[in-house]
């Protein structure tokens, strides 16, 4: 009798569970839970379908610069845009700038990096900053994005020429940095050397803090204007930028063809007039072993979304396919060549 009762109860429980699985109102796992998973999968599929570029993107680390410079601010905008628009995820991180970025790529700590066009050439050829280490040959060009102006910043209105720096306390960038060599080039064009000034070797943020505190008289800053560090200084002090005259600009370009003439508009920092100076290019490079799809997607994410990038950062207005494909000192990555070819542009590759 007990055996028959146990079998009957088992049958009832089985029926009850079957009823619940068909949409009953019992607690625990419900039909709404079962429906949630397909809905989430559908959302993910829709999001993936809305991304452009090439499939199969991976995750990339993008070294930029200090948090007071243009590299980091603009790099963050580019990284988020590419991540949202393609199958490639890009994370922008702070760094020590051009030389540090090349070294990070070489060590495998990053896959993308910002560099000055002159520093990139030094690394590829094994000159100046890279004389001791030798040439770095395991990276390629992705795109030139905008021009980085050599900005000679002061709060002393009596400093109106590079020649006025003689005997002054001047920050010329971190030792061995791209800014350091740019400063030496500009000083040299005016017949000055490092020994003719009292040099300090500081980052952008430290330089502007030292200016504000009266510890230095002027600072060389090489970055796209407006630069966060200078803008912050201008919020509390009257800032002056020193113009370079045409004669010395022409002499500098003749001796160092990495430079080109550039103008910083007065409204960049609320100046009284436009500033004439020289500039180098801001270039994105990639390790040679980064997948073709990822480099293609970086360019696709940037150049297919120019309006949103420009709305987020002023440097977006300077982006162009013509300038992006203009680098000749270092060959382009295969993924970049693929994207440019679809736009009717041929670039040199390794």
Protein backbone atom coordinates (compact mmCIF):
# COMPACT_ATOMS: atom_id res chain seq x y z
CA UNK A 1 0.00 0.00 0.00
CA UNK A 2 2.80 2.42 0.95
CA UNK A 3 4.55 1.62 -2.32
CA UNK A 4 1.45 2.45 -4.39
CA UNK A 5 1.00 5.75 -2.45
CA UNK A 6 4.61 6.79 -3.13
CA UNK A 7 4.21 6.11 -6.86
CA UNK A 8 1.01 8.17 -6.92
CA UNK A 9 2.66 11.14 -5.21
CA UNK A 10 5.60 10.98 -7.63
CA UNK A 11 3.19 11.08 -10.58
CA UNK A 12 1.42 14.14 -9.16
CA UNK A 13 4.74 15.99 -8.62
CA UNK A 14 5.89 15.18 -12.16
CA UNK A 15 2.64 16.58 -13.59
CA UNK A 16 2.95 19.72 -11.48
CA UNK A 17 6.53 20.39 -12.67
CA UNK A 18 5.52 19.80 -16.27
CA UNK A 19 2.67 22.32 -15.89
CA UNK A 20 5.01 24.90 -14.39
CA UNK A 21 7.47 24.49 -17.27
CA UNK A 22 4.67 25.16 -19.76
CA UNK A 23 3.93 28.58 -18.29
CA UNK A 24 2.32 28.01 -14.93
CA UNK A 25 2.33 30.69 -12.25
CA UNK A 26 4.48 28.92 -9.67
CA UNK A 27 7.52 30.67 -8.18
CA UNK A 28 11.19 29.98 -9.18
CA UNK A 29 12.23 29.85 -12.86
CA UNK A 30 9.46 31.44 -14.89
CA UNK A 31 8.66 31.93 -18.54
CA UNK A 32 9.74 35.60 -18.22
CA UNK A 33 13.26 34.47 -17.20
CA UNK A 34 13.43 32.14 -20.17
CA UNK A 35 12.39 34.94 -22.50
CA UNK A 36 14.98 37.36 -21.09
CA UNK A 37 18.00 35.47 -22.44
CA UNK A 38 16.89 35.50 -26.10
CA UNK A 39 16.00 39.21 -25.72
CA UNK A 40 19.52 40.02 -24.47
CA UNK A 41 21.02 37.98 -27.29
CA UNK A 42 18.85 39.84 -29.79
CA UNK A 43 20.04 43.19 -28.39
CA UNK A 44 23.67 42.15 -28.70
CA UNK A 45 23.10 40.96 -32.26
CA UNK A 46 21.44 44.26 -33.19
CA UNK A 47 24.34 46.22 -31.66
CA UNK A 48 26.87 44.12 -33.56
CA UNK A 49 24.90 44.52 -36.78
CA UNK A 50 25.03 48.31 -36.40
CA UNK A 51 28.85 48.36 -36.25
CA UNK A 52 30.79 49.03 -39.43
CA UNK A 53 34.27 48.23 -40.65
CA UNK A 54 35.69 44.73 -40.63
CA UNK A 55 34.53 41.86 -38.44
CA UNK A 56 36.86 40.12 -36.03
CA UNK A 57 38.24 43.14 -34.22
CA UNK A 58 40.16 42.69 -30.97
CA UNK A 59 41.09 44.92 -28.01
CA UNK A 60 43.91 47.45 -28.37
CA UNK A 61 45.82 49.62 -25.89
CA UNK A 62 46.41 53.13 -27.26
CA UNK A 63 49.20 55.10 -25.56
CA UNK A 64 48.68 58.86 -25.82
CA UNK A 65 50.43 61.42 -23.59
CA UNK A 66 50.13 63.28 -20.30
CA UNK A 67 46.66 64.16 -19.03
CA UNK A 68 47.30 67.88 -19.63
CA UNK A 69 48.12 67.43 -23.32
CA UNK A 70 46.16 67.13 -26.55
CA UNK A 71 47.21 63.52 -27.17
CA UNK A 72 45.28 62.23 -24.17
CA UNK A 73 42.14 64.35 -24.59
CA UNK A 74 41.80 63.75 -28.32
CA UNK A 75 43.00 60.16 -28.06
CA UNK A 76 40.16 59.39 -25.66
CA UNK A 77 37.62 60.75 -28.13
CA UNK A 78 39.07 58.67 -30.96
CA UNK A 79 39.22 55.52 -28.84
CA UNK A 80 35.59 55.73 -27.74
CA UNK A 81 34.42 56.51 -31.28
CA UNK A 82 36.23 53.53 -32.80
CA UNK A 83 34.95 51.27 -30.02
CA UNK A 84 31.35 52.36 -30.57
CA UNK A 85 31.53 52.21 -34.36
CA UNK A 86 33.43 48.98 -35.05
CA UNK A 87 34.20 45.50 -33.75
CA UNK A 88 37.55 46.77 -32.41
CA UNK A 89 37.80 48.00 -28.80
CA UNK A 90 40.36 50.76 -28.20
CA UNK A 91 41.41 51.98 -24.74
CA UNK A 92 43.33 55.28 -24.51
CA UNK A 93 45.86 55.45 -21.68
CA UNK A 94 48.19 58.19 -20.42
CA UNK A 95 51.90 57.95 -21.13
CA UNK A 96 55.16 59.86 -21.24
CA UNK A 97 54.61 60.91 -24.86
CA UNK A 98 56.20 60.08 -28.19
CA UNK A 99 59.39 58.29 -27.16
CA UNK A 100 57.65 56.38 -24.37
CA UNK A 101 54.92 55.32 -26.80
CA UNK A 102 57.42 53.89 -29.27
CA UNK A 103 59.12 51.99 -26.47
CA UNK A 104 55.75 50.68 -25.21
CA UNK A 105 54.90 49.38 -28.68
CA UNK A 106 58.30 47.74 -28.97
CA UNK A 107 57.83 46.03 -25.58
CA UNK A 108 54.34 44.81 -26.53
CA UNK A 109 52.69 46.87 -23.78
CA UNK A 110 50.53 48.71 -26.33
CA UNK A 111 49.41 48.22 -29.90
CA UNK A 112 48.71 51.82 -30.97
CA UNK A 113 50.43 55.07 -30.04
CA UNK A 114 50.59 58.79 -30.75
CA UNK A 115 53.97 60.17 -31.90
CA UNK A 116 55.36 63.39 -33.28
CA UNK A 117 56.31 62.96 -36.93
CA UNK A 118 59.92 63.94 -36.25
CA UNK A 119 60.28 61.54 -33.30
CA UNK A 120 58.75 58.75 -35.39
CA UNK A 121 61.41 59.29 -38.05
CA UNK A 122 64.19 59.40 -35.43
CA UNK A 123 63.01 56.05 -34.06
CA UNK A 124 62.72 54.41 -37.47
CA UNK A 125 66.17 55.64 -38.50
CA UNK A 126 67.87 55.25 -35.11
CA UNK A 127 68.92 58.90 -34.78
CA UNK A 128 68.84 61.61 -32.06
CA UNK A 129 66.66 60.22 -29.23
CA UNK A 130 67.36 56.68 -30.45
CA UNK A 131 71.08 56.80 -31.21
CA UNK A 132 71.94 54.57 -28.24
CA UNK A 133 69.12 52.04 -28.66
CA UNK A 134 69.30 51.86 -32.44
CA UNK A 135 66.46 51.84 -34.92
CA UNK A 136 62.99 50.55 -34.07
CA UNK A 137 61.62 48.79 -37.12
CA UNK A 138 58.57 46.93 -35.83
CA UNK A 139 55.97 49.67 -36.26
CA UNK A 140 54.07 51.21 -39.16
CA UNK A 141 52.10 54.38 -39.83
CA UNK A 142 48.32 54.37 -39.33
CA UNK A 143 47.55 58.03 -40.07
CA UNK A 144 48.74 61.59 -39.66
CA UNK A 145 45.96 63.44 -37.85
CA UNK A 146 46.80 67.07 -37.16
CA UNK A 147 49.66 69.53 -36.67
CA UNK A 148 51.37 70.06 -33.30
CA UNK A 149 52.56 73.61 -32.83
CA UNK A 150 55.76 74.59 -31.07
CA UNK A 151 54.34 76.93 -28.42
CA UNK A 152 56.69 79.23 -26.53
CA UNK A 153 54.60 80.26 -23.53
CA UNK A 154 55.32 83.02 -21.01
CA UNK A 155 53.52 85.36 -18.62
CA UNK A 156 56.22 88.01 -19.02
CA UNK A 157 55.20 90.58 -21.67
CA UNK A 158 58.85 91.66 -22.01
CA UNK A 159 59.72 88.34 -23.70
CA UNK A 160 58.75 88.98 -27.32
CA UNK A 161 61.40 86.96 -29.19
CA UNK A 162 63.27 83.70 -28.81
CA UNK A 163 66.40 85.84 -28.51
CA UNK A 164 64.99 87.25 -25.27
CA UNK A 165 65.36 83.83 -23.62
CA UNK A 166 69.09 84.27 -23.16
CA UNK A 167 69.90 83.98 -19.44
CA UNK A 168 66.26 83.15 -18.59
CA UNK A 169 64.81 80.16 -16.74
CA UNK A 170 63.18 78.11 -19.47
CA UNK A 171 61.47 74.71 -19.45
CA UNK A 172 62.47 72.80 -22.57
CA UNK A 173 60.48 69.62 -22.01
CA UNK A 174 61.37 66.37 -20.33
CA UNK A 175 64.99 65.34 -20.95
CA UNK A 176 65.25 63.45 -24.23
CA UNK A 177 61.62 64.13 -25.18
CA UNK A 178 60.41 65.31 -28.57
CA UNK A 179 59.75 68.73 -27.04
CA UNK A 180 63.36 68.88 -25.86
CA UNK A 181 64.71 68.46 -29.38
CA UNK A 182 62.13 70.88 -30.80
CA UNK A 183 63.26 73.47 -28.24
CA UNK A 184 66.92 72.95 -29.16
CA UNK A 185 66.06 73.34 -32.86
CA UNK A 186 64.21 76.62 -32.29
CA UNK A 187 66.91 77.98 -29.99
CA UNK A 188 69.52 77.01 -32.55
CA UNK A 189 67.72 78.88 -35.30
CA UNK A 190 68.22 82.04 -33.22
CA UNK A 191 71.87 81.29 -32.49
CA UNK A 192 71.25 80.05 -28.94
CA UNK A 193 72.17 76.76 -27.27
CA UNK A 194 71.06 74.97 -24.14
CA UNK A 195 74.01 76.62 -22.34
CA UNK A 196 72.64 80.10 -23.10
CA UNK A 197 69.58 79.57 -20.90
CA UNK A 198 68.92 78.15 -17.44
CA UNK A 199 67.07 75.02 -18.55
CA UNK A 200 64.56 72.96 -16.62
CA UNK A 201 63.16 69.68 -17.89
CA UNK A 202 59.45 69.49 -17.17
CA UNK A 203 56.20 68.09 -18.52
CA UNK A 204 53.48 70.39 -19.87
CA UNK A 205 51.54 70.45 -16.61
CA UNK A 206 54.64 71.01 -14.47
CA UNK A 207 55.84 73.75 -16.83
CA UNK A 208 52.63 75.76 -16.58
CA UNK A 209 52.55 75.33 -12.80
CA UNK A 210 56.11 76.64 -12.62
CA UNK A 211 55.13 79.61 -14.79
CA UNK A 212 52.19 80.37 -12.52
CA UNK A 213 54.41 80.18 -9.43
CA UNK A 214 57.07 82.42 -10.99
CA UNK A 215 59.73 79.70 -10.92
CA UNK A 216 60.46 79.91 -14.66
CA UNK A 217 60.21 82.66 -17.26
CA UNK A 218 59.04 80.65 -20.27
CA UNK A 219 58.26 77.14 -21.43
CA UNK A 220 58.33 75.23 -24.69
CA UNK A 221 55.19 73.15 -25.19
CA UNK A 222 54.70 71.09 -28.35
CA UNK A 223 51.09 70.05 -28.79
CA UNK A 224 48.01 70.88 -30.78
CA UNK A 225 46.62 74.26 -29.75
CA UNK A 226 44.61 74.84 -27.67
CA UNK A 227 46.45 72.69 -25.13
CA UNK A 228 44.81 71.91 -21.78
CA UNK A 229 47.85 72.92 -19.72
CA UNK A 230 48.03 76.35 -21.38
CA UNK A 231 44.28 76.87 -21.24
CA UNK A 232 44.35 76.17 -17.51
CA UNK A 233 47.16 78.70 -17.04
CA UNK A 234 45.28 81.30 -19.08
CA UNK A 235 42.32 80.96 -16.72
CA UNK A 236 44.34 82.51 -13.88
CA UNK A 237 47.15 84.46 -15.58
CA UNK A 238 47.58 86.64 -18.66
CA UNK A 239 49.34 84.36 -21.10
CA UNK A 240 51.62 85.41 -23.95
CA UNK A 241 52.90 83.26 -26.81
CA UNK A 242 56.07 84.27 -28.62
CA UNK A 243 55.96 84.45 -32.43
CA UNK A 244 58.80 83.25 -34.65
CA UNK A 245 59.70 85.57 -37.54
CA UNK A 246 59.67 84.38 -41.16
CA UNK A 247 63.44 84.57 -41.59
CA UNK A 248 64.13 82.18 -38.71
CA UNK A 249 61.20 79.92 -39.62
CA UNK A 250 62.56 79.53 -43.16
CA UNK A 251 66.04 78.75 -41.82
CA UNK A 252 64.65 76.15 -39.44
CA UNK A 253 62.60 74.42 -42.12
CA UNK A 254 65.60 74.42 -44.47
CA UNK A 255 67.72 72.59 -41.88
CA UNK A 256 64.94 70.37 -40.48
CA UNK A 257 62.30 69.48 -43.09
CA UNK A 258 60.08 67.81 -40.46
CA UNK A 259 58.80 71.28 -39.59
CA UNK A 260 56.23 73.36 -41.42
CA UNK A 261 55.01 76.89 -40.85
CA UNK A 262 51.92 77.13 -38.66
CA UNK A 263 49.66 79.76 -37.15
CA UNK A 264 48.03 79.64 -33.72
CA UNK A 265 44.85 81.73 -33.89
CA UNK A 266 44.45 84.46 -31.29
CA UNK A 267 41.20 82.96 -30.00
CA UNK A 268 42.96 79.73 -28.99
CA UNK A 269 43.97 81.36 -25.70
CA UNK A 270 42.39 84.81 -25.86
CA UNK A 271 45.53 86.42 -27.29
CA UNK A 272 45.71 89.85 -28.90
CA UNK A 273 46.98 88.52 -32.23
CA UNK A 274 47.71 85.34 -34.16
CA UNK A 275 51.04 83.64 -33.43
CA UNK A 276 53.45 82.46 -36.13
CA UNK A 277 55.41 79.34 -35.31
CA UNK A 278 56.41 75.94 -36.66
CA UNK A 279 54.72 72.59 -36.25
CA UNK A 280 55.25 68.86 -36.61
CA UNK A 281 52.63 66.24 -37.38
CA UNK A 282 50.74 64.19 -34.79
CA UNK A 283 50.76 60.64 -36.12
CA UNK A 284 49.19 57.38 -34.94
CA UNK A 285 51.40 54.32 -35.35
CA UNK A 286 50.78 50.60 -34.79
CA UNK A 287 52.85 47.51 -34.16
CA UNK A 288 53.38 45.57 -37.37
CA UNK A 289 51.70 42.51 -35.86
CA UNK A 290 48.39 44.26 -35.11
CA UNK A 291 45.65 42.60 -37.17
CA UNK A 292 44.73 44.22 -40.46
CA UNK A 293 41.09 44.39 -39.34
CA UNK A 294 41.95 46.41 -36.24
CA UNK A 295 43.96 49.08 -38.06
CA UNK A 296 41.32 49.25 -40.79
CA UNK A 297 38.66 49.66 -38.11
CA UNK A 298 40.59 52.47 -36.41
CA UNK A 299 40.57 54.47 -39.63
CA UNK A 300 37.00 53.51 -40.43
CA UNK A 301 35.81 54.54 -36.96
CA UNK A 302 37.57 57.90 -37.22
CA UNK A 303 36.94 58.99 -40.79
CA UNK A 304 33.39 57.71 -41.05
CA UNK A 305 32.43 59.66 -37.92
CA UNK A 306 34.06 63.06 -38.40
CA UNK A 307 30.99 65.05 -37.35
CA UNK A 308 30.67 63.39 -33.94
CA UNK A 309 34.43 63.58 -33.34
CA UNK A 310 34.50 67.29 -34.20
CA UNK A 311 31.56 67.91 -31.87
CA UNK A 312 33.53 66.27 -29.06
CA UNK A 313 36.97 67.84 -29.69
CA UNK A 314 38.17 70.82 -31.73
CA UNK A 315 40.97 68.81 -33.35
CA UNK A 316 38.35 66.82 -35.23
CA UNK A 317 38.00 69.76 -37.63
CA UNK A 318 41.61 69.24 -38.77
CA UNK A 319 41.20 65.61 -39.81
CA UNK A 320 41.42 64.85 -43.53
CA UNK A 321 42.17 61.81 -45.65
CA UNK A 322 44.71 63.81 -47.65
CA UNK A 323 46.78 64.67 -44.58
CA UNK A 324 46.24 61.24 -43.01
CA UNK A 325 47.86 59.55 -46.00
CA UNK A 326 50.73 62.06 -46.42
CA UNK A 327 53.45 60.39 -44.30
CA UNK A 328 56.53 59.35 -46.28
CA UNK A 329 59.17 58.69 -43.58
CA UNK A 330 57.65 55.43 -42.28
CA UNK A 331 55.60 52.95 -44.40
CA UNK A 332 51.93 52.37 -43.66
CA UNK A 333 50.34 49.34 -41.99
CA UNK A 334 48.52 46.93 -44.33
CA UNK A 335 45.20 47.70 -42.62
CA UNK A 336 45.69 51.40 -43.27
CA UNK A 337 46.60 50.74 -46.90
CA UNK A 338 43.39 48.73 -47.31
CA UNK A 339 41.23 51.56 -45.95
CA UNK A 340 42.95 54.26 -48.01
CA UNK A 341 42.75 52.14 -51.18
CA UNK A 342 38.96 52.03 -50.80
CA UNK A 343 39.08 55.83 -50.85
CA UNK A 344 41.20 55.87 -54.01
CA UNK A 345 44.46 56.65 -52.19
CA UNK A 346 47.65 54.59 -52.51
CA UNK A 347 50.19 54.60 -49.67
CA UNK A 348 53.55 52.87 -49.35
CA UNK A 349 53.73 49.72 -47.20
CA UNK A 350 56.57 47.48 -46.07
